Amino acid sequence: MKQSERRPRQKISGDWVEVRSSGLVSIGGVVARAYGLKALRVLITDEPGIGLHLSISHPGRYPTWDEIAHARYSLLPDDKTFVMFLPPSDQYVNVEGGPRGGNVFHLHEYRDGE
């Protein structure tokens, strides 16, 4: 497929806003920045030895590909590569009972050779 044949990303209106008074939350001792855009929520952590991790959720549905791309390109460094993993089925986790109803996707920093 040629570049000109690709479907352009849908324009997402609005800006990400840090949530919580300081924009910081602690998850298992790792500090996370929390952002919101309408009903979307994003948490970003920089985990020692692992790298940057973004989780994006919506309370009533899966985030769209365009919403995921918008979060990635708005909130993460452009000079890094991020991936979404689909592990073996017995290792797959997407918590249904959480406040976001299991509608969460994760991006992980790809570190070539690590």
N, C-alpha and C. Protein backbone atom coordinates (compact mmCIF):
# COMPACT_ATOMS: atom_id res chain seq x y z
N MET A 1 0.84 -1.16 0.00
CA MET A 1 0.00 0.00 0.00
C MET A 1 0.90 1.24 0.00
N LYS A 2 0.65 2.15 -0.90
CA LYS A 2 1.40 3.38 -0.96
C LYS A 2 0.95 4.33 0.14
N GLN A 3 1.87 5.19 0.56
CA GLN A 3 1.57 6.16 1.62
C GLN A 3 0.30 6.95 1.29
N SER A 4 0.14 7.35 0.04
CA SER A 4 -1.02 8.17 -0.35
C SER A 4 -2.33 7.39 -0.25
N GLU A 5 -2.27 6.05 -0.19
CA GLU A 5 -3.48 5.24 -0.11
C GLU A 5 -3.92 4.97 1.32
N ARG A 6 -3.08 5.32 2.29
CA ARG A 6 -3.43 5.08 3.68
C ARG A 6 -4.61 5.95 4.09
N ARG A 7 -5.42 5.41 4.98
CA ARG A 7 -6.51 6.18 5.55
C ARG A 7 -5.92 7.17 6.54
N PRO A 8 -6.20 8.45 6.38
CA PRO A 8 -5.65 9.41 7.34
C PRO A 8 -6.25 9.20 8.72
N ARG A 9 -5.45 9.51 9.75
CA ARG A 9 -5.97 9.40 11.11
C ARG A 9 -7.07 10.42 11.31
N GLN A 10 -8.07 10.01 12.07
CA GLN A 10 -9.16 10.90 12.43
C GLN A 10 -8.61 11.98 13.36
N LYS A 11 -8.98 13.21 13.12
CA LYS A 11 -8.55 14.31 13.98
C LYS A 11 -9.32 14.22 15.30
N ILE A 12 -8.58 14.19 16.39
CA ILE A 12 -9.18 14.15 17.72
C ILE A 12 -9.15 15.57 18.26
N SER A 13 -10.31 16.10 18.59
CA SER A 13 -10.35 17.48 19.07
C SER A 13 -10.13 17.53 20.58
N GLY A 14 -9.50 18.61 21.01
CA GLY A 14 -9.25 18.81 22.42
C GLY A 14 -7.81 18.53 22.78
N ASP A 15 -7.44 18.95 23.96
CA ASP A 15 -6.09 18.76 24.46
C ASP A 15 -6.12 17.89 25.70
N TRP A 16 -5.06 17.13 25.89
CA TRP A 16 -4.93 16.33 27.10
C TRP A 16 -4.71 17.26 28.28
N VAL A 17 -5.37 16.98 29.38
CA VAL A 17 -5.25 17.78 30.59
C VAL A 17 -4.77 16.86 31.70
N GLU A 18 -3.77 17.31 32.47
CA GLU A 18 -3.33 16.51 33.61
C GLU A 18 -4.45 16.45 34.63
N VAL A 19 -4.70 15.27 35.16
CA VAL A 19 -5.74 15.11 36.18
C VAL A 19 -5.07 14.88 37.53
N ARG A 20 -5.81 15.02 38.57
CA ARG A 20 -5.35 15.06 39.94
C ARG A 20 -4.68 16.41 40.14
N SER A 21 -4.58 16.87 41.36
CA SER A 21 -4.07 18.21 41.61
C SER A 21 -2.65 18.39 41.10
N SER A 22 -1.80 17.39 41.26
CA SER A 22 -0.42 17.52 40.81
C SER A 22 -0.19 16.85 39.46
N GLY A 23 -1.16 16.08 38.99
CA GLY A 23 -0.96 15.31 37.77
C GLY A 23 -0.19 14.04 38.00
N LEU A 24 0.21 13.78 39.26
CA LEU A 24 1.00 12.59 39.57
C LEU A 24 0.23 11.65 40.48
N VAL A 25 0.33 10.37 40.20
CA VAL A 25 -0.22 9.34 41.07
C VAL A 25 0.87 8.30 41.26
N SER A 26 0.79 7.52 42.32
CA SER A 26 1.78 6.48 42.57
C SER A 26 1.12 5.12 42.41
N ILE A 27 1.71 4.27 41.58
CA ILE A 27 1.19 2.94 41.35
C ILE A 27 2.30 1.96 41.69
N GLY A 28 2.15 1.25 42.78
CA GLY A 28 3.16 0.29 43.19
C GLY A 28 4.54 0.91 43.35
N GLY A 29 4.59 2.15 43.83
CA GLY A 29 5.86 2.82 44.03
C GLY A 29 6.41 3.50 42.78
N VAL A 30 5.77 3.33 41.64
CA VAL A 30 6.20 3.98 40.40
C VAL A 30 5.30 5.20 40.19
N VAL A 31 5.90 6.35 39.98
CA VAL A 31 5.12 7.57 39.78
C VAL A 31 4.56 7.59 38.36
N ALA A 32 3.27 7.92 38.25
CA ALA A 32 2.61 7.98 36.96
C ALA A 32 2.01 9.36 36.75
N ARG A 33 2.04 9.81 35.54
CA ARG A 33 1.32 11.03 35.17
C ARG A 33 -0.05 10.60 34.65
N ALA A 34 -1.08 11.31 35.07
CA ALA A 34 -2.45 10.98 34.67
C ALA A 34 -3.00 12.12 33.82
N TYR A 35 -3.62 11.75 32.69
CA TYR A 35 -4.19 12.73 31.77
C TYR A 35 -5.61 12.34 31.42
N GLY A 36 -6.40 13.34 31.04
CA GLY A 36 -7.76 13.09 30.58
C GLY A 36 -8.07 13.92 29.35
N LEU A 37 -8.90 13.37 28.50
CA LEU A 37 -9.44 14.07 27.33
C LEU A 37 -10.85 13.54 27.14
N LYS A 38 -11.83 14.36 27.48
CA LYS A 38 -13.23 13.92 27.51
C LYS A 38 -13.29 12.68 28.40
N ALA A 39 -13.83 11.56 27.94
CA ALA A 39 -13.94 10.37 28.79
C ALA A 39 -12.69 9.50 28.78
N LEU A 40 -11.72 9.81 27.92
CA LEU A 40 -10.49 9.03 27.85
C LEU A 40 -9.58 9.35 29.04
N ARG A 41 -8.90 8.32 29.53
CA ARG A 41 -7.91 8.49 30.59
C ARG A 41 -6.62 7.82 30.17
N VAL A 42 -5.50 8.46 30.50
CA VAL A 42 -4.18 7.94 30.18
C VAL A 42 -3.33 7.99 31.44
N LEU A 43 -2.57 6.93 31.68
CA LEU A 43 -1.53 6.91 32.70
C LEU A 43 -0.22 6.63 31.99
N ILE A 44 0.82 7.40 32.34
CA ILE A 44 2.15 7.19 31.77
C ILE A 44 3.13 6.97 32.91
N THR A 45 3.88 5.88 32.82
CA THR A 45 4.93 5.59 33.80
C THR A 45 6.24 5.42 33.07
N ASP A 46 7.32 5.67 33.79
CA ASP A 46 8.66 5.37 33.29
C ASP A 46 9.24 4.38 34.28
N GLU A 47 9.18 3.10 33.93
CA GLU A 47 9.54 2.04 34.85
C GLU A 47 11.02 1.70 34.71
N PRO A 48 11.77 1.78 35.82
CA PRO A 48 13.21 1.50 35.77
C PRO A 48 13.50 0.13 35.14
N GLY A 49 14.40 0.13 34.18
CA GLY A 49 14.79 -1.11 33.51
C GLY A 49 13.81 -1.58 32.46
N ILE A 50 12.64 -0.96 32.38
CA ILE A 50 11.62 -1.38 31.41
C ILE A 50 11.36 -0.29 30.38
N GLY A 51 11.21 0.94 30.84
CA GLY A 51 10.97 2.07 29.94
C GLY A 51 9.59 2.65 30.11
N LEU A 52 9.22 3.48 29.17
CA LEU A 52 7.94 4.17 29.22
C LEU A 52 6.78 3.22 28.93
N HIS A 53 5.67 3.47 29.60
CA HIS A 53 4.46 2.65 29.46
C HIS A 53 3.27 3.59 29.49
N LEU A 54 2.40 3.49 28.50
CA LEU A 54 1.18 4.28 28.44
C LEU A 54 -0.01 3.34 28.48
N SER A 55 -0.95 3.60 29.37
CA SER A 55 -2.22 2.87 29.32
C SER A 55 -3.31 3.87 29.02
N ILE A 56 -4.23 3.50 28.13
CA ILE A 56 -5.32 4.37 27.72
C ILE A 56 -6.63 3.62 27.87
N SER A 57 -7.63 4.30 28.42
CA SER A 57 -8.92 3.63 28.65
C SER A 57 -10.07 4.59 28.42
N HIS A 58 -11.23 3.98 28.24
CA HIS A 58 -12.51 4.69 28.11
C HIS A 58 -13.51 3.88 28.93
N PRO A 59 -14.42 4.51 29.67
CA PRO A 59 -15.30 3.75 30.55
C PRO A 59 -16.35 2.89 29.83
N GLY A 60 -16.72 3.24 28.60
CA GLY A 60 -17.82 2.53 27.96
C GLY A 60 -17.48 1.74 26.71
N ARG A 61 -16.22 1.79 26.28
CA ARG A 61 -15.83 1.12 25.03
C ARG A 61 -14.31 1.05 24.97
N TYR A 62 -13.81 0.30 23.97
CA TYR A 62 -12.38 0.32 23.72
C TYR A 62 -12.01 1.67 23.11
N PRO A 63 -10.84 2.23 23.46
CA PRO A 63 -10.36 3.41 22.75
C PRO A 63 -10.14 3.05 21.27
N THR A 64 -10.41 3.99 20.39
CA THR A 64 -10.20 3.75 18.96
C THR A 64 -8.71 3.83 18.64
N TRP A 65 -8.35 3.30 17.48
CA TRP A 65 -6.96 3.39 17.04
C TRP A 65 -6.52 4.85 16.95
N ASP A 66 -7.39 5.71 16.43
CA ASP A 66 -7.04 7.12 16.30
C ASP A 66 -6.84 7.78 17.67
N GLU A 67 -7.62 7.39 18.67
CA GLU A 67 -7.44 7.93 20.02
C GLU A 67 -6.11 7.45 20.62
N ILE A 68 -5.78 6.18 20.38
CA ILE A 68 -4.51 5.64 20.87
C ILE A 68 -3.35 6.39 20.20
N ALA A 69 -3.42 6.58 18.89
CA ALA A 69 -2.36 7.29 18.16
C ALA A 69 -2.26 8.74 18.64
N HIS A 70 -3.39 9.38 18.89
CA HIS A 70 -3.39 10.76 19.37
C HIS A 70 -2.69 10.85 20.72
N ALA A 71 -2.98 9.93 21.62
CA ALA A 71 -2.32 9.92 22.94
C ALA A 71 -0.82 9.69 22.77
N ARG A 72 -0.47 8.72 21.96
CA ARG A 72 0.95 8.39 21.76
C ARG A 72 1.72 9.61 21.24
N TYR A 73 1.20 10.24 20.17
CA TYR A 73 1.94 11.33 19.54
C TYR A 73 1.82 12.65 20.29
N SER A 74 0.86 12.77 21.18
CA SER A 74 0.72 13.98 21.99
C SER A 74 1.50 13.91 23.30
N LEU A 75 1.63 12.71 23.88
CA LEU A 75 2.12 12.59 25.24
C LEU A 75 3.46 11.87 25.39
N LEU A 76 3.92 11.19 24.36
CA LEU A 76 5.17 10.43 24.45
C LEU A 76 6.22 11.00 23.51
N PRO A 77 7.50 10.80 23.82
CA PRO A 77 8.56 11.34 22.95
C PRO A 77 8.49 10.77 21.54
N ASP A 78 8.61 11.65 20.56
CA ASP A 78 8.48 11.23 19.17
C ASP A 78 9.67 10.41 18.69
N ASP A 79 10.82 10.52 19.37
CA ASP A 79 12.02 9.80 18.91
C ASP A 79 12.10 8.38 19.45
N LYS A 80 11.05 7.91 20.09
CA LYS A 80 11.01 6.53 20.62
C LYS A 80 9.92 5.75 19.90
N THR A 81 10.07 4.43 19.88
CA THR A 81 9.09 3.55 19.26
C THR A 81 8.30 2.85 20.36
N PHE A 82 6.98 2.72 20.15
CA PHE A 82 6.11 2.06 21.12
C PHE A 82 5.34 0.94 20.44
N VAL A 83 5.08 -0.11 21.21
CA VAL A 83 4.40 -1.29 20.68
C VAL A 83 3.25 -1.70 21.59
N MET A 84 2.31 -2.43 21.00
CA MET A 84 1.24 -3.08 21.76
C MET A 84 1.49 -4.58 21.63
N PHE A 85 1.55 -5.28 22.77
CA PHE A 85 1.80 -6.71 22.77
C PHE A 85 0.49 -7.48 22.89
N LEU A 86 0.43 -8.61 22.23
CA LEU A 86 -0.63 -9.60 22.45
C LEU A 86 0.08 -10.87 22.90
N PRO A 87 0.13 -11.10 24.22
CA PRO A 87 0.86 -12.25 24.74
C PRO A 87 0.08 -13.55 24.50
N PRO A 88 0.68 -14.69 24.84
CA PRO A 88 -0.07 -15.95 24.78
C PRO A 88 -1.36 -15.81 25.60
N SER A 89 -2.40 -16.50 25.18
CA SER A 89 -3.72 -16.32 25.80
C SER A 89 -3.73 -16.57 27.30
N ASP A 90 -2.88 -17.48 27.81
CA ASP A 90 -2.88 -17.74 29.25
C ASP A 90 -2.18 -16.64 30.05
N GLN A 91 -1.56 -15.67 29.36
CA GLN A 91 -0.91 -14.55 30.03
C GLN A 91 -1.65 -13.23 29.80
N TYR A 92 -2.75 -13.30 29.03
CA TYR A 92 -3.50 -12.08 28.68
C TYR A 92 -4.26 -11.57 29.90
N VAL A 93 -4.14 -10.25 30.15
CA VAL A 93 -4.84 -9.64 31.28
C VAL A 93 -5.54 -8.38 30.79
N ASN A 94 -6.81 -8.24 31.09
CA ASN A 94 -7.58 -7.01 30.87
C ASN A 94 -8.68 -7.04 31.90
N VAL A 95 -8.47 -6.39 33.01
CA VAL A 95 -9.32 -6.52 34.20
C VAL A 95 -10.72 -5.99 33.93
N GLU A 96 -11.69 -6.89 33.91
CA GLU A 96 -13.08 -6.54 33.63
C GLU A 96 -13.74 -5.78 34.77
N GLY A 97 -13.35 -6.04 36.00
CA GLY A 97 -14.03 -5.43 37.14
C GLY A 97 -13.52 -4.07 37.53
N GLY A 98 -12.51 -3.57 36.82
CA GLY A 98 -11.93 -2.28 37.18
C GLY A 98 -12.86 -1.13 36.82
N PRO A 99 -12.50 0.08 37.25
CA PRO A 99 -13.35 1.24 37.00
C PRO A 99 -13.48 1.58 35.52
N ARG A 100 -12.57 1.10 34.69
CA ARG A 100 -12.64 1.37 33.25
C ARG A 100 -13.23 0.18 32.50
N GLY A 101 -13.74 -0.82 33.22
CA GLY A 101 -14.45 -1.92 32.61
C GLY A 101 -13.64 -2.81 31.70
N GLY A 102 -12.34 -2.85 31.85
CA GLY A 102 -11.52 -3.70 30.99
C GLY A 102 -11.25 -3.10 29.63
N ASN A 103 -11.62 -1.85 29.43
CA ASN A 103 -11.44 -1.19 28.13
C ASN A 103 -10.10 -0.45 28.10
N VAL A 104 -9.03 -1.18 28.33
CA VAL A 104 -7.71 -0.59 28.47
C VAL A 104 -6.75 -1.19 27.45
N PHE A 105 -5.96 -0.32 26.81
CA PHE A 105 -4.88 -0.76 25.93
C PHE A 105 -3.57 -0.21 26.48
N HIS A 106 -2.49 -0.90 26.19
CA HIS A 106 -1.17 -0.53 26.72
C HIS A 106 -0.17 -0.39 25.58
N LEU A 107 0.62 0.68 25.67
CA LEU A 107 1.76 0.87 24.77
C LEU A 107 3.02 0.77 25.60
N HIS A 108 4.02 0.06 25.10
CA HIS A 108 5.28 -0.13 25.81
C HIS A 108 6.41 0.37 24.92
N GLU A 109 7.39 1.01 25.55
CA GLU A 109 8.56 1.47 24.82
C GLU A 109 9.31 0.26 24.27
N TYR A 110 9.64 0.32 22.98
CA TYR A 110 10.42 -0.74 22.36
C TYR A 110 11.88 -0.35 22.42
N ARG A 111 12.67 -1.21 23.00
CA ARG A 111 14.10 -0.98 23.10
C ARG A 111 14.79 -2.09 22.33
N ASP A 112 15.28 -1.76 21.16
CA ASP A 112 15.91 -2.72 20.27
C ASP A 112 17.09 -3.40 20.98
N GLY A 113 17.06 -4.73 20.99
CA GLY A 113 18.14 -5.50 21.55
C GLY A 113 18.08 -5.71 23.06
N GLU A 114 17.03 -5.23 23.70
CA GLU A 114 16.92 -5.42 25.15
C GLU A 114 15.88 -6.47 25.48
